[in-house]
Amino acid sequence: MKKYYKALIKSFFIFMPIFLFTMIFSSSLFGNIVIDGNISDDEWNDAQKFEFSSKDIKLSVVALVKWDEKFFYFACKIADTNVQGKYKEGIQNVWEDDDVEYYLETDNKKHNGRSVNSYQLLFDAAGAYNDTVGDGNTYDFKWDSHVEYMVGLDQGSTINNGNDNDTGWLLESRLPWKDINVDGNKVKGKTMGWNILVATQPEAVQINSSPKVIGWTNNHDCSNWGEITFDKGYVSVESKGKLYDTWGTIKLCGKLK
């Protein structure tokens, strides 16, 4: 059974009527990008950008990728007029909520089905997550990642309120390369299989960055995924603690080592 652990992070909390404000005291623990829910700052300059949208409803996605020798960084801003999410923490069936998922096939073999070198990370708008690894055919929940992440609501958005008009939500995350058996010192120039999926409820609409992936019908088939090449988006500036005004908490998930 998967286990969930919260990170021990030095912080303080001030509850306000709309937002939760948290000051994060940064150190080398966080690497070069502070996972604080702020993806509009200079840290994400020069990131690889992936943009896609839905023709069925008002749903659009801007995803950002950066990396260094230790971590794969993924951020995403989802424009959604009705943000929904019931799972607030831990490992959950996040696909039942508004969620964003990313998929990596580290050897880019275009395997039919889920390669043993393929990984999936899933996050919902309320704060929960999940992760899977391929078994050569389909996906398996036995993998426990150490992904660190934060989700947040855009200013003016609410969650689980269908009577208002939201602007959307966001995710900021980082995953250790060692979790997916990748040597971070050899990432530069490497190409991997790659897909991003965003789902929204209650409309039950799913959109993918890879044109060959149709909703959830073939999302676990590596041969349909696109590609990402790590020739840009390298993190080189150490950032300091910042004040952010987004909703969510920092979480360290998986088995602590």
Protein backbone atom coordinates (compact mmCIF):
# COMPACT_ATOMS: atom_id res chain seq x y z
CA MET A 1 0.00 0.00 0.00
CA LYS A 2 1.26 3.46 -0.82
CA LYS A 3 2.30 5.67 2.05
CA TYR A 4 2.12 9.45 2.37
CA TYR A 5 4.43 11.70 4.37
CA LYS A 6 4.45 15.45 4.84
CA ALA A 7 7.73 17.30 4.50
CA LEU A 8 9.14 19.01 7.55
CA ILE A 9 9.30 22.59 6.36
CA LYS A 10 10.01 25.65 8.46
CA SER A 11 7.06 27.96 7.82
CA PHE A 12 4.33 29.96 9.46
CA PHE A 13 0.68 30.32 8.49
CA ILE A 14 -1.62 33.33 8.58
CA PHE A 15 -5.24 32.57 7.68
CA MET A 16 -7.02 35.27 5.66
CA PRO A 17 -10.62 35.36 4.38
CA ILE A 18 -9.68 34.31 0.85
CA PHE A 19 -6.07 33.14 0.69
CA LEU A 20 -3.59 31.27 2.83
CA PHE A 21 -0.31 33.19 3.08
CA THR A 22 2.86 31.28 3.85
CA MET A 23 6.46 32.43 4.04
CA ILE A 24 8.87 29.68 2.95
CA PHE A 25 12.40 29.95 4.30
CA SER A 26 14.51 28.63 1.46
CA SER A 27 17.75 26.69 1.74
CA SER A 28 19.61 24.15 -0.36
CA LEU A 29 16.91 21.65 0.64
CA PHE A 30 14.71 23.11 -2.08
CA GLY A 31 17.27 23.18 -4.90
CA ASN A 32 17.20 26.00 -7.44
CA ILE A 33 13.44 26.44 -7.67
CA VAL A 34 11.38 26.98 -4.54
CA ILE A 35 8.14 25.02 -4.75
CA ASP A 36 5.94 27.82 -3.44
CA GLY A 37 3.04 27.94 -5.90
CA ASN A 38 4.40 31.01 -7.71
CA ILE A 39 5.09 30.18 -11.35
CA SER A 40 5.05 33.73 -12.71
CA ASP A 41 8.41 34.70 -11.26
CA ASP A 42 11.87 34.71 -12.83
CA GLU A 43 12.56 31.11 -11.83
CA TRP A 44 10.45 29.87 -14.74
CA ASN A 45 12.01 32.10 -17.40
CA ASP A 46 13.41 30.10 -20.34
CA ALA A 47 11.35 27.03 -19.42
CA GLN A 48 10.17 24.72 -22.17
CA LYS A 49 6.52 25.60 -22.78
CA PHE A 50 3.65 23.36 -23.84
CA GLU A 51 0.27 24.91 -24.67
CA PHE A 52 -2.96 23.15 -25.63
CA SER A 53 -6.70 23.64 -25.20
CA SER A 54 -10.12 22.03 -25.55
CA LYS A 55 -12.61 22.73 -28.33
CA ASP A 56 -15.50 21.38 -26.23
CA ILE A 57 -15.38 23.69 -23.22
CA LYS A 58 -13.37 26.66 -22.02
CA LEU A 59 -10.27 24.80 -20.85
CA SER A 60 -6.70 25.71 -21.76
CA VAL A 61 -3.29 24.68 -20.45
CA VAL A 62 0.16 26.25 -20.28
CA ALA A 63 2.76 23.80 -18.92
CA LEU A 64 6.40 24.62 -18.13
CA VAL A 65 9.39 22.30 -17.76
CA LYS A 66 12.83 22.99 -16.30
CA TRP A 67 15.56 20.73 -14.94
CA ASP A 68 18.89 20.48 -13.20
CA GLU A 69 21.17 17.60 -12.22
CA LYS A 70 18.91 16.52 -9.36
CA PHE A 71 15.33 17.38 -10.33
CA PHE A 72 12.73 17.46 -13.08
CA TYR A 73 10.56 20.55 -12.56
CA PHE A 74 7.00 20.72 -13.89
CA ALA A 75 4.58 23.62 -13.56
CA CYS A 76 1.17 24.05 -15.08
CA LYS A 77 -1.49 26.76 -15.27
CA ILE A 78 -4.98 25.51 -16.14
CA ALA A 79 -7.63 28.01 -17.24
CA ASP A 80 -10.87 26.48 -15.95
CA THR A 81 -14.17 28.27 -15.28
CA ASN A 82 -15.36 25.67 -12.72
CA VAL A 83 -12.60 24.31 -10.46
CA GLN A 84 -13.61 21.08 -8.71
CA GLY A 85 -11.77 18.81 -6.25
CA LYS A 86 -12.77 16.70 -3.26
CA TYR A 87 -9.46 14.97 -2.47
CA LYS A 88 -7.36 17.35 -0.37
CA GLU A 89 -4.23 15.36 0.48
CA GLY A 90 -2.40 12.08 0.19
CA ILE A 91 -2.64 9.40 -2.49
CA GLN A 92 -6.14 9.42 -3.95
CA ASN A 93 -8.18 8.75 -7.10
CA VAL A 94 -7.32 12.22 -8.31
CA TRP A 95 -8.70 11.54 -11.81
CA GLU A 96 -12.14 11.87 -10.23
CA ASP A 97 -11.37 15.57 -9.66
CA ASP A 98 -9.99 18.30 -11.88
CA ASP A 99 -6.48 16.98 -12.39
CA VAL A 100 -3.26 17.35 -14.36
CA GLU A 101 -1.05 14.37 -15.20
CA TYR A 102 2.34 14.08 -16.86
CA TYR A 103 3.95 10.99 -18.37
CA LEU A 104 7.62 10.22 -19.10
CA GLU A 105 9.13 7.26 -20.95
CA THR A 106 12.76 7.70 -20.00
CA ASP A 107 14.28 5.56 -22.79
CA ASN A 108 11.85 6.85 -25.47
CA LYS A 109 11.39 3.39 -27.00
CA LYS A 110 7.78 4.12 -28.07
CA HIS A 111 6.73 0.96 -26.30
CA ASN A 112 3.26 -0.43 -27.06
CA GLY A 113 1.57 -0.02 -23.68
CA ARG A 114 3.28 1.12 -20.50
CA SER A 115 7.01 0.44 -20.64
CA VAL A 116 8.83 -0.52 -17.44
CA ASN A 117 10.68 2.75 -18.00
CA SER A 118 7.51 4.85 -18.03
CA TYR A 119 6.19 6.95 -15.17
CA GLN A 120 3.03 8.93 -14.48
CA LEU A 121 2.47 11.70 -11.92
CA LEU A 122 -1.07 12.95 -11.20
CA PHE A 123 -2.23 15.98 -9.17
CA ASP A 124 -5.71 17.29 -8.44
CA ALA A 125 -6.92 20.84 -7.88
CA ALA A 126 -7.65 20.22 -4.18
CA GLY A 127 -4.15 19.03 -3.21
CA ALA A 128 -4.00 15.22 -3.56
CA TYR A 129 -1.74 13.23 -5.89
CA ASN A 130 -0.95 9.78 -7.25
CA ASP A 131 1.83 8.06 -9.23
CA THR A 132 2.28 4.96 -11.37
CA VAL A 133 5.03 2.98 -13.10
CA GLY A 134 4.65 0.78 -16.17
CA ASP A 135 4.93 -3.02 -15.95
CA GLY A 136 5.54 -3.66 -19.66
CA ASN A 137 1.84 -3.76 -20.46
CA THR A 138 -0.19 -1.41 -18.28
CA TYR A 139 0.31 0.77 -15.19
CA ASP A 140 1.07 -0.28 -11.62
CA PHE A 141 0.53 1.70 -8.40
CA LYS A 142 3.45 0.02 -6.59
CA TRP A 143 5.82 2.91 -7.36
CA ASP A 144 6.16 5.57 -4.65
CA SER A 145 7.72 8.80 -5.87
CA HIS A 146 9.28 11.56 -3.77
CA VAL A 147 7.58 14.31 -5.74
CA GLU A 148 7.29 17.69 -4.02
CA TYR A 149 4.45 19.90 -5.19
CA MET A 150 2.02 22.69 -4.52
CA VAL A 151 -1.36 23.41 -6.05
CA GLY A 152 -3.04 26.81 -5.94
CA LEU A 153 -6.11 28.72 -7.06
CA ASP A 154 -5.90 31.73 -9.31
CA GLN A 155 -6.93 34.95 -7.62
CA GLY A 156 -10.70 35.24 -7.79
CA SER A 157 -11.25 31.49 -8.16
CA THR A 158 -12.96 29.20 -5.68
CA ILE A 159 -13.17 25.43 -5.47
CA ASN A 160 -16.34 23.31 -5.56
CA ASN A 161 -18.60 26.28 -6.25
CA GLY A 162 -20.48 25.89 -9.50
CA ASN A 163 -22.29 29.19 -9.07
CA ASP A 164 -19.30 31.43 -9.77
CA ASN A 165 -16.97 31.92 -12.74
CA ASP A 166 -13.44 30.76 -11.92
CA THR A 167 -10.28 31.65 -13.81
CA GLY A 168 -8.40 28.46 -12.99
CA TRP A 169 -5.74 26.76 -10.89
CA LEU A 170 -2.04 25.93 -11.00
CA LEU A 171 0.56 23.36 -10.04
CA GLU A 172 4.29 23.65 -9.27
CA SER A 173 6.33 20.48 -8.66
CA ARG A 174 9.69 18.82 -8.75
CA LEU A 175 10.63 15.14 -9.01
CA PRO A 176 14.07 13.70 -8.22
CA TRP A 177 15.66 12.13 -11.31
CA LYS A 178 16.76 9.19 -9.18
CA ASP A 179 13.10 8.31 -8.60
CA ILE A 180 12.83 7.41 -12.28
CA ASN A 181 16.31 5.86 -12.54
CA VAL A 182 17.77 8.73 -14.53
CA ASP A 183 21.29 10.09 -14.02
CA GLY A 184 20.73 13.83 -13.79
CA ASN A 185 24.31 14.51 -14.85
CA LYS A 186 23.54 12.93 -18.24
CA VAL A 187 20.15 14.53 -18.94
CA LYS A 188 21.36 17.33 -21.22
CA GLY A 189 20.50 16.48 -24.83
CA LYS A 190 18.43 13.43 -23.83
CA THR A 191 15.00 12.86 -25.43
CA MET A 192 12.17 11.12 -23.57
CA GLY A 193 8.63 10.12 -24.37
CA TRP A 194 6.28 12.78 -23.04
CA ASN A 195 2.60 13.57 -22.56
CA ILE A 196 0.51 15.93 -20.44
CA LEU A 197 -3.15 15.22 -19.68
CA VAL A 198 -5.63 17.58 -18.06
CA ALA A 199 -9.11 16.47 -16.99
CA THR A 200 -11.99 18.59 -15.74
CA GLN A 201 -15.11 17.72 -13.77
CA PRO A 202 -18.08 17.47 -13.84
CA GLU A 203 -17.81 17.80 -17.62
CA ALA A 204 -15.62 14.65 -17.83
CA VAL A 205 -13.47 16.24 -20.54
CA GLN A 206 -9.82 15.24 -20.98
CA ILE A 207 -7.27 16.97 -23.21
CA ASN A 208 -3.70 15.90 -24.01
CA SER A 209 -0.59 17.64 -25.25
CA SER A 210 0.15 14.72 -27.59
CA PRO A 211 -2.22 14.68 -30.62
CA LYS A 212 -2.30 10.87 -30.79
CA VAL A 213 -3.57 10.53 -27.23
CA ILE A 214 -7.37 10.69 -27.11
CA GLY A 215 -8.69 11.40 -23.62
CA TRP A 216 -8.16 8.41 -21.33
CA THR A 217 -8.67 5.84 -24.12
CA ASN A 218 -4.97 5.36 -24.98
CA ASN A 219 -3.09 7.55 -22.51
CA HIS A 220 -1.17 4.52 -21.19
CA ASP A 221 0.30 3.64 -24.58
CA CYS A 222 3.83 5.05 -24.80
CA SER A 223 3.83 4.70 -28.58
CA ASN A 224 1.28 7.54 -28.77
CA TRP A 225 3.16 9.99 -26.58
CA GLY A 226 5.10 12.96 -27.88
CA GLU A 227 8.68 13.82 -26.97
CA ILE A 228 10.64 16.20 -24.81
CA THR A 229 14.34 16.97 -25.35
CA PHE A 230 16.33 18.46 -22.51
CA ASP A 231 18.29 20.99 -24.51
CA LYS A 232 16.84 24.02 -22.71
CA GLY A 233 15.23 24.91 -19.40
CA TYR A 234 18.30 24.26 -17.27
CA VAL A 235 18.05 25.81 -13.78
CA SER A 236 21.09 27.87 -12.86
CA VAL A 237 19.98 30.58 -10.38
CA GLU A 238 19.51 29.82 -6.70
CA SER A 239 16.29 31.51 -5.53
CA LYS A 240 15.50 32.78 -2.05
CA GLY A 241 12.44 32.67 0.17
CA LYS A 242 9.36 34.47 -1.20
CA LEU A 243 5.89 35.37 -0.07
CA TYR A 244 3.12 33.80 -2.13
CA ASP A 245 -0.63 34.23 -2.15
CA THR A 246 -1.92 30.90 -3.40
CA TRP A 247 -3.98 28.17 -1.83
CA GLY A 248 -2.33 24.88 -0.95
CA THR A 249 0.44 23.29 1.07
CA ILE A 250 3.86 21.86 0.35
CA LYS A 251 3.95 18.08 0.43
CA LEU A 252 6.70 15.49 0.16
CA CYS A 253 5.16 12.27 -1.04
CA GLY A 254 6.41 8.71 -1.06
CA LYS A 255 8.89 6.89 1.16
CA LEU A 256 11.40 9.01 3.00
CA LYS A 257 14.99 7.90 2.62
